[in-house]
Amino acid sequence: AASGRTLSSYGMAWFRQAPKKEREFVAGVSRTGITTYYADSVK
């Protein structure tokens, strides 16, 4: 959930960090929500 500014102005993504590992990309979505893309591990 976002506050302070409309979320429509931003591209968004999810990242994750497992124990003893670097933060990694999980999934992303464009500002319009039309385009999505994923890490191979979660497709």
PDB file of all heavy atoms in Angstrom:
ATOM      1  N   ALA A   1       0.829  -1.191   0.000  1.00  0.00           N
ATOM      2  CA  ALA A   1       0.000   0.000   0.000  1.00  0.00           C
ATOM      3  C   ALA A   1       0.868   1.247   0.000  1.00  0.00           C
ATOM      4  O   ALA A   1       1.827   1.345   0.769  1.00  0.00           O
ATOM      5  CB  ALA A   1      -0.927   0.006   1.213  1.00  0.00           C
ATOM      6  N   ALA A   2       0.527   2.199  -0.851  1.00  0.00           N
ATOM      7  CA  ALA A   2       1.305   3.424  -0.983  1.00  0.00           C
ATOM      8  C   ALA A   2       0.549   4.614  -0.411  1.00  0.00           C
ATOM      9  O   ALA A   2      -0.681   4.676  -0.453  1.00  0.00           O
ATOM     10  CB  ALA A   2       1.642   3.686  -2.443  1.00  0.00           C
ATOM     11  N   SER A   3       1.306   5.558   0.107  1.00  0.00           N
ATOM     12  CA  SER A   3       0.742   6.814   0.592  1.00  0.00           C
ATOM     13  C   SER A   3       1.691   7.944   0.250  1.00  0.00           C
ATOM     14  O   SER A   3       2.884   7.731   0.036  1.00  0.00           O
ATOM     15  CB  SER A   3       0.498   6.766   2.097  1.00  0.00           C
ATOM     16  OG  SER A   3       1.715   6.588   2.807  1.00  0.00           O
ATOM     17  N   GLY A   4       1.171   9.153   0.206  1.00  0.00           N
ATOM     18  CA  GLY A   4       1.990  10.322  -0.065  1.00  0.00           C
ATOM     19  C   GLY A   4       1.969  10.780  -1.512  1.00  0.00           C
ATOM     20  O   GLY A   4       2.188  11.951  -1.783  1.00  0.00           O
ATOM     21  N   ARG A   5       1.723   9.856  -2.425  1.00  0.00           N
ATOM     22  CA  ARG A   5       1.678  10.166  -3.843  1.00  0.00           C
ATOM     23  C   ARG A   5       0.985   9.027  -4.571  1.00  0.00           C
ATOM     24  O   ARG A   5       1.135   7.864  -4.186  1.00  0.00           O
ATOM     25  CB  ARG A   5       3.088  10.388  -4.404  1.00  0.00           C
ATOM     26  CG  ARG A   5       3.137  10.976  -5.798  1.00  0.00           C
ATOM     27  CD  ARG A   5       4.581  11.195  -6.242  1.00  0.00           C
ATOM     28  NE  ARG A   5       4.665  11.766  -7.566  1.00  0.00           N
ATOM     29  CZ  ARG A   5       4.665  13.067  -7.835  1.00  0.00           C
ATOM     30  NH1 ARG A   5       4.593  13.942  -6.842  1.00  0.00           N
ATOM     31  NH2 ARG A   5       4.745  13.505  -9.078  1.00  0.00           N
ATOM     32  N   THR A   6       0.267   9.357  -5.621  1.00  0.00           N
ATOM     33  CA  THR A   6      -0.447   8.323  -6.357  1.00  0.00           C
ATOM     34  C   THR A   6       0.524   7.311  -6.946  1.00  0.00           C
ATOM     35  O   THR A   6       1.550   7.670  -7.520  1.00  0.00           O
ATOM     36  CB  THR A   6      -1.316   8.925  -7.460  1.00  0.00           C
ATOM     37  OG1 THR A   6      -1.916   7.875  -8.213  1.00  0.00           O
ATOM     38  CG2 THR A   6      -0.482   9.789  -8.401  1.00  0.00           C
ATOM     39  N   LEU A   7       0.196   6.052  -6.807  1.00  0.00           N
ATOM     40  CA  LEU A   7       1.057   4.978  -7.266  1.00  0.00           C
ATOM     41  C   LEU A   7       1.127   4.900  -8.781  1.00  0.00           C
ATOM     42  O   LEU A   7       2.037   4.281  -9.331  1.00  0.00           O
ATOM     43  CB  LEU A   7       0.578   3.651  -6.680  1.00  0.00           C
ATOM     44  CG  LEU A   7       1.599   2.526  -6.508  1.00  0.00           C
ATOM     45  CD1 LEU A   7       2.764   2.988  -5.664  1.00  0.00           C
ATOM     46  CD2 LEU A   7       0.931   1.311  -5.888  1.00  0.00           C
ATOM     47  N   SER A   8       0.184   5.514  -9.462  1.00  0.00           N
ATOM     48  CA  SER A   8       0.165   5.469 -10.920  1.00  0.00           C
ATOM     49  C   SER A   8       1.362   6.164 -11.542  1.00  0.00           C
ATOM     50  O   SER A   8       1.634   5.986 -12.734  1.00  0.00           O
ATOM     51  CB  SER A   8      -1.133   6.076 -11.453  1.00  0.00           C
ATOM     52  OG  SER A   8      -1.229   7.446 -11.115  1.00  0.00           O
ATOM     53  N   SER A   9       2.088   6.962 -10.766  1.00  0.00           N
ATOM     54  CA  SER A   9       3.258   7.670 -11.272  1.00  0.00           C
ATOM     55  C   SER A   9       4.511   6.806 -11.297  1.00  0.00           C
ATOM     56  O   SER A   9       5.546   7.247 -11.792  1.00  0.00           O
ATOM     57  CB  SER A   9       3.531   8.910 -10.421  1.00  0.00           C
ATOM     58  OG  SER A   9       2.442   9.818 -10.464  1.00  0.00           O
ATOM     59  N   TYR A  10       4.430   5.578 -10.782  1.00  0.00           N
ATOM     60  CA  TYR A  10       5.616   4.767 -10.568  1.00  0.00           C
ATOM     61  C   TYR A  10       5.523   3.381 -11.185  1.00  0.00           C
ATOM     62  O   TYR A  10       4.471   2.747 -11.177  1.00  0.00           O
ATOM     63  CB  TYR A  10       5.875   4.599  -9.067  1.00  0.00           C
ATOM     64  CG  TYR A  10       6.076   5.896  -8.333  1.00  0.00           C
ATOM     65  CD1 TYR A  10       5.004   6.552  -7.748  1.00  0.00           C
ATOM     66  CD2 TYR A  10       7.348   6.454  -8.230  1.00  0.00           C
ATOM     67  CE1 TYR A  10       5.192   7.747  -7.078  1.00  0.00           C
ATOM     68  CE2 TYR A  10       7.535   7.648  -7.559  1.00  0.00           C
ATOM     69  CZ  TYR A  10       6.458   8.290  -6.984  1.00  0.00           C
ATOM     70  OH  TYR A  10       6.651   9.474  -6.315  1.00  0.00           O
ATOM     71  N   GLY A  11       6.670   2.933 -11.698  1.00  0.00           N
ATOM     72  CA  GLY A  11       6.826   1.522 -11.955  1.00  0.00           C
ATOM     73  C   GLY A  11       7.061   0.826 -10.621  1.00  0.00           C
ATOM     74  O   GLY A  11       7.630   1.411  -9.704  1.00  0.00           O
ATOM     75  N   MET A  12       6.627  -0.422 -10.513  1.00  0.00           N
ATOM     76  CA  MET A  12       6.689  -1.130  -9.243  1.00  0.00           C
ATOM     77  C   MET A  12       7.356  -2.487  -9.414  1.00  0.00           C
ATOM     78  O   MET A  12       7.325  -3.074 -10.494  1.00  0.00           O
ATOM     79  CB  MET A  12       5.287  -1.339  -8.664  1.00  0.00           C
ATOM     80  CG  MET A  12       4.487  -0.064  -8.463  1.00  0.00           C
ATOM     81  SD  MET A  12       5.168   0.987  -7.150  1.00  0.00           S
ATOM     82  CE  MET A  12       5.037  -0.093  -5.738  1.00  0.00           C
ATOM     83  N   ALA A  13       7.926  -2.980  -8.324  1.00  0.00           N
ATOM     84  CA  ALA A  13       8.559  -4.290  -8.352  1.00  0.00           C
ATOM     85  C   ALA A  13       8.588  -4.896  -6.956  1.00  0.00           C
ATOM     86  O   ALA A  13       8.474  -4.184  -5.947  1.00  0.00           O
ATOM     87  CB  ALA A  13       9.978  -4.196  -8.906  1.00  0.00           C
ATOM     88  N   TRP A  14       8.742  -6.199  -6.932  1.00  0.00           N
ATOM     89  CA  TRP A  14       8.982  -6.938  -5.698  1.00  0.00           C
ATOM     90  C   TRP A  14      10.378  -7.542  -5.750  1.00  0.00           C
ATOM     91  O   TRP A  14      10.775  -8.120  -6.770  1.00  0.00           O
ATOM     92  CB  TRP A  14       7.963  -8.062  -5.502  1.00  0.00           C
ATOM     93  CG  TRP A  14       6.583  -7.600  -5.152  1.00  0.00           C
ATOM     94  CD1 TRP A  14       5.554  -7.347  -6.000  1.00  0.00           C
ATOM     95  CD2 TRP A  14       6.079  -7.355  -3.834  1.00  0.00           C
ATOM     96  NE1 TRP A  14       4.438  -6.955  -5.307  1.00  0.00           N
ATOM     97  CE2 TRP A  14       4.734  -6.948  -3.968  1.00  0.00           C
ATOM     98  CE3 TRP A  14       6.630  -7.437  -2.555  1.00  0.00           C
ATOM     99  CZ2 TRP A  14       3.929  -6.626  -2.875  1.00  0.00           C
ATOM    100  CZ3 TRP A  14       5.839  -7.111  -1.467  1.00  0.00           C
ATOM    101  CH2 TRP A  14       4.505  -6.709  -1.639  1.00  0.00           C
ATOM    102  N   PHE A  15      11.096  -7.391  -4.659  1.00  0.00           N
ATOM    103  CA  PHE A  15      12.389  -8.027  -4.467  1.00  0.00           C
ATOM    104  C   PHE A  15      12.316  -8.888  -3.210  1.00  0.00           C
ATOM    105  O   PHE A  15      11.406  -8.740  -2.400  1.00  0.00           O
ATOM    106  CB  PHE A  15      13.504  -6.988  -4.309  1.00  0.00           C
ATOM    107  CG  PHE A  15      13.815  -6.213  -5.558  1.00  0.00           C
ATOM    108  CD1 PHE A  15      12.986  -5.191  -5.997  1.00  0.00           C
ATOM    109  CD2 PHE A  15      14.951  -6.504  -6.302  1.00  0.00           C
ATOM    110  CE1 PHE A  15      13.273  -4.473  -7.140  1.00  0.00           C
ATOM    111  CE2 PHE A  15      15.253  -5.789  -7.456  1.00  0.00           C
ATOM    112  CZ  PHE A  15      14.415  -4.781  -7.870  1.00  0.00           C
ATOM    113  N   ARG A  16      13.282  -9.765  -3.046  1.00  0.00           N
ATOM    114  CA  ARG A  16      13.329 -10.569  -1.826  1.00  0.00           C
ATOM    115  C   ARG A  16      14.773 -10.829  -1.429  1.00  0.00           C
ATOM    116  O   ARG A  16      15.683 -10.801  -2.251  1.00  0.00           O
ATOM    117  CB  ARG A  16      12.586 -11.895  -1.996  1.00  0.00           C
ATOM    118  CG  ARG A  16      13.248 -12.878  -2.960  1.00  0.00           C
ATOM    119  CD  ARG A  16      12.366 -14.105  -3.164  1.00  0.00           C
ATOM    120  NE  ARG A  16      12.982 -15.088  -4.041  1.00  0.00           N
ATOM    121  CZ  ARG A  16      12.372 -16.179  -4.489  1.00  0.00           C
ATOM    122  NH1 ARG A  16      11.120 -16.427  -4.127  1.00  0.00           N
ATOM    123  NH2 ARG A  16      13.016 -17.019  -5.290  1.00  0.00           N
ATOM    124  N   GLN A  17      14.960 -11.096  -0.142  1.00  0.00           N
ATOM    125  CA  GLN A  17      16.281 -11.411   0.371  1.00  0.00           C
ATOM    126  C   GLN A  17      16.170 -12.587   1.325  1.00  0.00           C
ATOM    127  O   GLN A  17      15.546 -12.478   2.381  1.00  0.00           O
ATOM    128  CB  GLN A  17      16.904 -10.204   1.072  1.00  0.00           C
ATOM    129  CG  GLN A  17      18.342 -10.425   1.492  1.00  0.00           C
ATOM    130  CD  GLN A  17      19.024  -9.144   1.926  1.00  0.00           C
ATOM    131  OE1 GLN A  17      18.365  -8.157   2.247  1.00  0.00           O
ATOM    132  NE2 GLN A  17      20.341  -9.154   1.934  1.00  0.00           N
ATOM    133  N   ALA A  18      16.771 -13.686   0.939  1.00  0.00           N
ATOM    134  CA  ALA A  18      16.795 -14.882   1.761  1.00  0.00           C
ATOM    135  C   ALA A  18      17.997 -14.836   2.697  1.00  0.00           C
ATOM    136  O   ALA A  18      18.952 -14.091   2.458  1.00  0.00           O
ATOM    137  CB  ALA A  18      16.858 -16.124   0.876  1.00  0.00           C
ATOM    138  N   PRO A  19      17.979 -15.634   3.765  1.00  0.00           N
ATOM    139  CA  PRO A  19      19.115 -15.650   4.694  1.00  0.00           C
ATOM    140  C   PRO A  19      20.427 -15.950   3.991  1.00  0.00           C
ATOM    141  O   PRO A  19      20.512 -16.865   3.167  1.00  0.00           O
ATOM    142  CB  PRO A  19      18.744 -16.769   5.668  1.00  0.00           C
ATOM    143  CG  PRO A  19      17.256 -16.809   5.646  1.00  0.00           C
ATOM    144  CD  PRO A  19      16.890 -16.512   4.216  1.00  0.00           C
ATOM    145  N   LYS A  20      21.434 -15.160   4.271  1.00  0.00           N
ATOM    146  CA  LYS A  20      22.779 -15.330   3.734  1.00  0.00           C
ATOM    147  C   LYS A  20      22.859 -15.172   2.217  1.00  0.00           C
ATOM    148  O   LYS A  20      23.807 -15.640   1.584  1.00  0.00           O
ATOM    149  CB  LYS A  20      23.361 -16.684   4.152  1.00  0.00           C
ATOM    150  CG  LYS A  20      23.451 -16.876   5.656  1.00  0.00           C
ATOM    151  CD  LYS A  20      24.056 -18.214   6.002  1.00  0.00           C
ATOM    152  CE  LYS A  20      24.152 -18.410   7.502  1.00  0.00           C
ATOM    153  NZ  LYS A  20      24.743 -19.713   7.845  1.00  0.00           N
ATOM    154  N   LYS A  21      21.875 -14.516   1.630  1.00  0.00           N
ATOM    155  CA  LYS A  21      21.886 -14.277   0.197  1.00  0.00           C
ATOM    156  C   LYS A  21      21.686 -12.792  -0.106  1.00  0.00           C
ATOM    157  O   LYS A  21      21.201 -12.038   0.733  1.00  0.00           O
ATOM    158  CB  LYS A  21      20.792 -15.086  -0.498  1.00  0.00           C
ATOM    159  CG  LYS A  21      20.992 -16.593  -0.459  1.00  0.00           C
ATOM    160  CD  LYS A  21      19.923 -17.304  -1.253  1.00  0.00           C
ATOM    161  CE  LYS A  21      20.138 -18.806  -1.258  1.00  0.00           C
ATOM    162  NZ  LYS A  21      19.084 -19.502  -2.035  1.00  0.00           N
ATOM    163  N   GLU A  22      22.060 -12.392  -1.313  1.00  0.00           N
ATOM    164  CA  GLU A  22      21.854 -11.021  -1.747  1.00  0.00           C
ATOM    165  C   GLU A  22      20.397 -10.801  -2.124  1.00  0.00           C
ATOM    166  O   GLU A  22      19.675 -11.743  -2.472  1.00  0.00           O
ATOM    167  CB  GLU A  22      22.754 -10.705  -2.941  1.00  0.00           C
ATOM    168  CG  GLU A  22      24.242 -10.804  -2.656  1.00  0.00           C
ATOM    169  CD  GLU A  22      24.698  -9.774  -1.659  1.00  0.00           C
ATOM    170  OE1 GLU A  22      24.244  -8.615  -1.752  1.00  0.00           O
ATOM    171  OE2 GLU A  22      25.498 -10.117  -0.776  1.00  0.00           O
ATOM    172  N   ARG A  23      19.969  -9.552  -2.060  1.00  0.00           N
ATOM    173  CA  ARG A  23      18.625  -9.217  -2.476  1.00  0.00           C
ATOM    174  C   ARG A  23      18.475  -9.488  -3.979  1.00  0.00           C
ATOM    175  O   ARG A  23      19.358  -9.151  -4.772  1.00  0.00           O
ATOM    176  CB  ARG A  23      18.322  -7.755  -2.167  1.00  0.00           C
ATOM    177  CG  ARG A  23      16.894  -7.339  -2.473  1.00  0.00           C
ATOM    178  CD  ARG A  23      16.617  -5.917  -1.999  1.00  0.00           C
ATOM    179  NE  ARG A  23      16.754  -5.807  -0.560  1.00  0.00           N
ATOM    180  CZ  ARG A  23      16.499  -4.687   0.129  1.00  0.00           C
ATOM    181  NH1 ARG A  23      16.102  -3.593  -0.508  1.00  0.00           N
ATOM    182  NH2 ARG A  23      16.660  -4.668   1.434  1.00  0.00           N
ATOM    183  N   GLU A  24      17.367 -10.094  -4.364  1.00  0.00           N
ATOM    184  CA  GLU A  24      17.154 -10.450  -5.752  1.00  0.00           C
ATOM    185  C   GLU A  24      15.785 -10.006  -6.239  1.00  0.00           C
ATOM    186  O   GLU A  24      14.822  -9.916  -5.475  1.00  0.00           O
ATOM    187  CB  GLU A  24      17.305 -11.963  -5.962  1.00  0.00           C
ATOM    188  CG  GLU A  24      16.256 -12.796  -5.245  1.00  0.00           C
ATOM    189  CD  GLU A  24      16.369 -14.279  -5.537  1.00  0.00           C
ATOM    190  OE1 GLU A  24      17.175 -14.667  -6.400  1.00  0.00           O
ATOM    191  OE2 GLU A  24      15.643 -15.066  -4.891  1.00  0.00           O
ATOM    192  N   PHE A  25      15.713  -9.750  -7.523  1.00  0.00           N
ATOM    193  CA  PHE A  25      14.468  -9.360  -8.163  1.00  0.00           C
ATOM    194  C   PHE A  25      13.506 -10.532  -8.216  1.00  0.00           C
ATOM    195  O   PHE A  25      13.906 -11.673  -8.446  1.00  0.00           O
ATOM    196  CB  PHE A  25      14.756  -8.859  -9.585  1.00  0.00           C
ATOM    197  CG  PHE A  25      13.538  -8.678 -10.432  1.00  0.00           C
ATOM    198  CD1 PHE A  25      12.764  -7.534 -10.330  1.00  0.00           C
ATOM    199  CD2 PHE A  25      13.161  -9.653 -11.339  1.00  0.00           C
ATOM    200  CE1 PHE A  25      11.638  -7.363 -11.110  1.00  0.00           C
ATOM    201  CE2 PHE A  25      12.045  -9.494 -12.125  1.00  0.00           C
ATOM    202  CZ  PHE A  25      11.280  -8.340 -12.003  1.00  0.00           C
ATOM    203  N   VAL A  26      12.220 -10.242  -8.024  1.00  0.00           N
ATOM    204  CA  VAL A  26      11.180 -11.264  -8.086  1.00  0.00           C
ATOM    205  C   VAL A  26      10.199 -11.003  -9.227  1.00  0.00           C
ATOM    206  O   VAL A  26       9.974 -11.860 -10.078  1.00  0.00           O
ATOM    207  CB  VAL A  26      10.400 -11.358  -6.762  1.00  0.00           C
ATOM    208  CG1 VAL A  26       9.271 -12.380  -6.870  1.00  0.00           C
ATOM    209  CG2 VAL A  26      11.344 -11.720  -5.622  1.00  0.00           C
ATOM    210  N   ALA A  27       9.593  -9.821  -9.237  1.00  0.00           N
ATOM    211  CA  ALA A  27       8.580  -9.502 -10.239  1.00  0.00           C
ATOM    212  C   ALA A  27       8.457  -7.995 -10.397  1.00  0.00           C
ATOM    213  O   ALA A  27       8.676  -7.248  -9.451  1.00  0.00           O
ATOM    214  CB  ALA A  27       7.223 -10.093  -9.855  1.00  0.00           C
ATOM    215  N   GLY A  28       8.081  -7.552 -11.599  1.00  0.00           N
ATOM    216  CA  GLY A  28       7.914  -6.131 -11.856  1.00  0.00           C
ATOM    217  C   GLY A  28       6.684  -5.865 -12.699  1.00  0.00           C
ATOM    218  O   GLY A  28       6.213  -6.735 -13.423  1.00  0.00           O
ATOM    219  N   VAL A  29       6.173  -4.641 -12.606  1.00  0.00           N
ATOM    220  CA  VAL A  29       5.007  -4.228 -13.380  1.00  0.00           C
ATOM    221  C   VAL A  29       5.174  -2.767 -13.785  1.00  0.00           C
ATOM    222  O   VAL A  29       5.643  -1.941 -12.998  1.00  0.00           O
ATOM    223  CB  VAL A  29       3.696  -4.450 -12.587  1.00  0.00           C
ATOM    224  CG1 VAL A  29       3.699  -3.654 -11.285  1.00  0.00           C
ATOM    225  CG2 VAL A  29       2.485  -4.107 -13.436  1.00  0.00           C
ATOM    226  N   SER A  30       4.793  -2.457 -15.019  1.00  0.00           N
ATOM    227  CA  SER A  30       4.900  -1.095 -15.521  1.00  0.00           C
ATOM    228  C   SER A  30       3.881  -0.188 -14.854  1.00  0.00           C
ATOM    229  O   SER A  30       2.987  -0.641 -14.137  1.00  0.00           O
ATOM    230  CB  SER A  30       4.701  -1.083 -17.037  1.00  0.00           C
ATOM    231  OG  SER A  30       3.393  -1.505 -17.377  1.00  0.00           O
ATOM    232  N   ARG A  31       3.996   1.108 -15.110  1.00  0.00           N
ATOM    233  CA  ARG A  31       3.094   2.074 -14.498  1.00  0.00           C
ATOM    234  C   ARG A  31       1.630   1.804 -14.829  1.00  0.00           C
ATOM    235  O   ARG A  31       0.757   1.995 -13.982  1.00  0.00           O
ATOM    236  CB  ARG A  31       3.459   3.495 -14.925  1.00  0.00           C
ATOM    237  CG  ARG A  31       4.769   4.018 -14.363  1.00  0.00           C
ATOM    238  CD  ARG A  31       4.894   5.493 -14.654  1.00  0.00           C
ATOM    239  NE  ARG A  31       4.893   5.756 -16.081  1.00  0.00           N
ATOM    240  CZ  ARG A  31       4.613   6.935 -16.632  1.00  0.00           C
ATOM    241  NH1 ARG A  31       4.302   7.960 -15.849  1.00  0.00           N
ATOM    242  NH2 ARG A  31       4.650   7.078 -17.940  1.00  0.00           N
ATOM    243  N   THR A  32       1.374   1.373 -16.038  1.00  0.00           N
ATOM    244  CA  THR A  32       0.002   1.123 -16.469  1.00  0.00           C
ATOM    245  C   THR A  32      -0.527  -0.226 -16.006  1.00  0.00           C
ATOM    246  O   THR A  32      -1.738  -0.447 -16.011  1.00  0.00           O
ATOM    247  CB  THR A  32      -0.104   1.184 -17.994  1.00  0.00           C
ATOM    248  OG1 THR A  32       0.690   0.150 -18.569  1.00  0.00           O
ATOM    249  CG2 THR A  32       0.383   2.534 -18.507  1.00  0.00           C
ATOM    250  N   GLY A  33       0.360  -1.125 -15.635  1.00  0.00           N
ATOM    251  CA  GLY A  33      -0.039  -2.462 -15.255  1.00  0.00           C
ATOM    252  C   GLY A  33      -0.163  -3.408 -16.433  1.00  0.00           C
ATOM    253  O   GLY A  33      -0.477  -4.589 -16.244  1.00  0.00           O
ATOM    254  N   ILE A  34       0.078  -2.911 -17.634  1.00  0.00           N
ATOM    255  CA  ILE A  34      -0.066  -3.726 -18.832  1.00  0.00           C
ATOM    256  C   ILE A  34       1.067  -4.739 -18.961  1.00  0.00           C
ATOM    257  O   ILE A  34       0.848  -5.891 -19.356  1.00  0.00           O
ATOM    258  CB  ILE A  34      -0.124  -2.845 -20.090  1.00  0.00           C
ATOM    259  CG1 ILE A  34      -1.335  -1.902 -20.020  1.00  0.00           C
ATOM    260  CG2 ILE A  34      -0.178  -3.696 -21.346  1.00  0.00           C
ATOM    261  CD1 ILE A  34      -2.661  -2.618 -19.944  1.00  0.00           C
ATOM    262  N   THR A  35       2.289  -4.321 -18.637  1.00  0.00           N
ATOM    263  CA  THR A  35       3.458  -5.170 -18.802  1.00  0.00           C
ATOM    264  C   THR A  35       3.941  -5.702 -17.455  1.00  0.00           C
ATOM    265  O   THR A  35       4.130  -4.938 -16.514  1.00  0.00           O
ATOM    266  CB  THR A  35       4.601  -4.402 -19.483  1.00  0.00           C
ATOM    267  OG1 THR A  35       4.143  -3.876 -20.730  1.00  0.00           O
ATOM    268  CG2 THR A  35       5.792  -5.315 -19.725  1.00  0.00           C
ATOM    269  N   THR A  36       4.121  -7.007 -17.379  1.00  0.00           N
ATOM    270  CA  THR A  36       4.677  -7.645 -16.189  1.00  0.00           C
ATOM    271  C   THR A  36       5.833  -8.544 -16.587  1.00  0.00           C
ATOM    272  O   THR A  36       5.889  -9.033 -17.719  1.00  0.00           O
ATOM    273  CB  THR A  36       3.626  -8.471 -15.439  1.00  0.00           C
ATOM    274  OG1 THR A  36       3.117  -9.490 -16.306  1.00  0.00           O
ATOM    275  CG2 THR A  36       2.469  -7.591 -14.984  1.00  0.00           C
ATOM    276  N   TYR A  37       6.740  -8.792 -15.656  1.00  0.00           N
ATOM    277  CA  TYR A  37       7.882  -9.637 -15.937  1.00  0.00           C
ATOM    278  C   TYR A  37       8.367 -10.252 -14.624  1.00  0.00           C
ATOM    279  O   TYR A  37       8.153  -9.696 -13.546  1.00  0.00           O
ATOM    280  CB  TYR A  37       9.005  -8.858 -16.638  1.00  0.00           C
ATOM    281  CG  TYR A  37       9.372  -7.557 -15.959  1.00  0.00           C
ATOM    282  CD1 TYR A  37      10.499  -7.456 -15.159  1.00  0.00           C
ATOM    283  CD2 TYR A  37       8.588  -6.421 -16.136  1.00  0.00           C
ATOM    284  CE1 TYR A  37      10.827  -6.266 -14.544  1.00  0.00           C
ATOM    285  CE2 TYR A  37       8.909  -5.225 -15.523  1.00  0.00           C
ATOM    286  CZ  TYR A  37      10.034  -5.152 -14.730  1.00  0.00           C
ATOM    287  OH  TYR A  37      10.361  -3.966 -14.113  1.00  0.00           O
ATOM    288  N   TYR A  38       9.048 -11.411 -14.723  1.00  0.00           N
ATOM    289  CA  TYR A  38       9.353 -12.205 -13.546  1.00  0.00           C
ATOM    290  C   TYR A  38      10.747 -12.815 -13.596  1.00  0.00           C
ATOM    291  O   TYR A  38      11.312 -13.049 -14.667  1.00  0.00           O
ATOM    292  CB  TYR A  38       8.343 -13.349 -13.414  1.00  0.00           C
ATOM    293  CG  TYR A  38       6.915 -12.889 -13.330  1.00  0.00           C
ATOM    294  CD1 TYR A  38       6.156 -12.676 -14.480  1.00  0.00           C
ATOM    295  CD2 TYR A  38       6.320 -12.669 -12.093  1.00  0.00           C
ATOM    296  CE1 TYR A  38       4.841 -12.245 -14.399  1.00  0.00           C
ATOM    297  CE2 TYR A  38       5.006 -12.240 -12.007  1.00  0.00           C
ATOM    298  CZ  TYR A  38       4.272 -12.029 -13.165  1.00  0.00           C
ATOM    299  OH  TYR A  38       2.971 -11.605 -13.072  1.00  0.00           O
ATOM    300  N   ALA A  39      11.278 -13.095 -12.418  1.00  0.00           N
ATOM    301  CA  ALA A  39      12.472 -13.903 -12.328  1.00  0.00           C
ATOM    302  C   ALA A  39      12.144 -15.326 -12.769  1.00  0.00           C
ATOM    303  O   ALA A  39      11.024 -15.809 -12.561  1.00  0.00           O
ATOM    304  CB  ALA A  39      13.006 -13.910 -10.897  1.00  0.00           C
ATOM    305  N   ASP A  40      13.113 -15.994 -13.375  1.00  0.00           N
ATOM    306  CA  ASP A  40      12.878 -17.352 -13.864  1.00  0.00           C
ATOM    307  C   ASP A  40      12.435 -18.293 -12.744  1.00  0.00           C
ATOM    308  O   ASP A  40      11.643 -19.214 -12.974  1.00  0.00           O
ATOM    309  CB  ASP A  40      14.140 -17.905 -14.520  1.00  0.00           C
ATOM    310  CG  ASP A  40      14.447 -17.244 -15.848  1.00  0.00           C
ATOM    311  OD1 ASP A  40      13.529 -16.649 -16.452  1.00  0.00           O
ATOM    312  OD2 ASP A  40      15.609 -17.330 -16.297  1.00  0.00           O
ATOM    313  N   SER A  41      12.913 -18.063 -11.548  1.00  0.00           N
ATOM    314  CA  SER A  41      12.625 -18.950 -10.434  1.00  0.00           C
ATOM    315  C   SER A  41      11.163 -18.929  -9.992  1.00  0.00           C
ATOM    316  O   SER A  41      10.717 -19.849  -9.302  1.00  0.00           O
ATOM    317  CB  SER A  41      13.523 -18.607  -9.240  1.00  0.00           C
ATOM    318  OG  SER A  41      13.318 -17.268  -8.824  1.00  0.00           O
ATOM    319  N   VAL A  42      10.412 -17.888 -10.375  1.00  0.00           N
ATOM    320  CA  VAL A  42       9.028 -17.772  -9.928  1.00  0.00           C
ATOM    321  C   VAL A  42       8.023 -17.770 -11.071  1.00  0.00           C
ATOM    322  O   VAL A  42       6.813 -17.730 -10.816  1.00  0.00           O
ATOM    323  CB  VAL A  42       8.816 -16.516  -9.064  1.00  0.00           C
ATOM    324  CG1 VAL A  42       9.797 -16.493  -7.903  1.00  0.00           C
ATOM    325  CG2 VAL A  42       8.941 -15.246  -9.902  1.00  0.00           C
ATOM    326  N   LYS A  43       8.482 -17.827 -12.307  1.00  0.00           N
ATOM    327  CA  LYS A  43       7.573 -17.822 -13.449  1.00  0.00           C
ATOM    328  C   LYS A  43       6.602 -18.993 -13.369  1.00  0.00           C
ATOM    329  O   LYS A  43       6.986 -20.116 -13.091  1.00  0.00           O
ATOM    330  CB  LYS A  43       8.360 -17.888 -14.760  1.00  0.00           C
ATOM    331  CG  LYS A  43       9.026 -16.590 -15.154  1.00  0.00           C
ATOM    332  CD  LYS A  43       9.739 -16.724 -16.491  1.00  0.00           C
ATOM    333  CE  LYS A  43      10.384 -15.416 -16.902  1.00  0.00           C
ATOM    334  NZ  LYS A  43      11.120 -15.532 -18.179  1.00  0.00           N
TER     335      LYS A  43
END
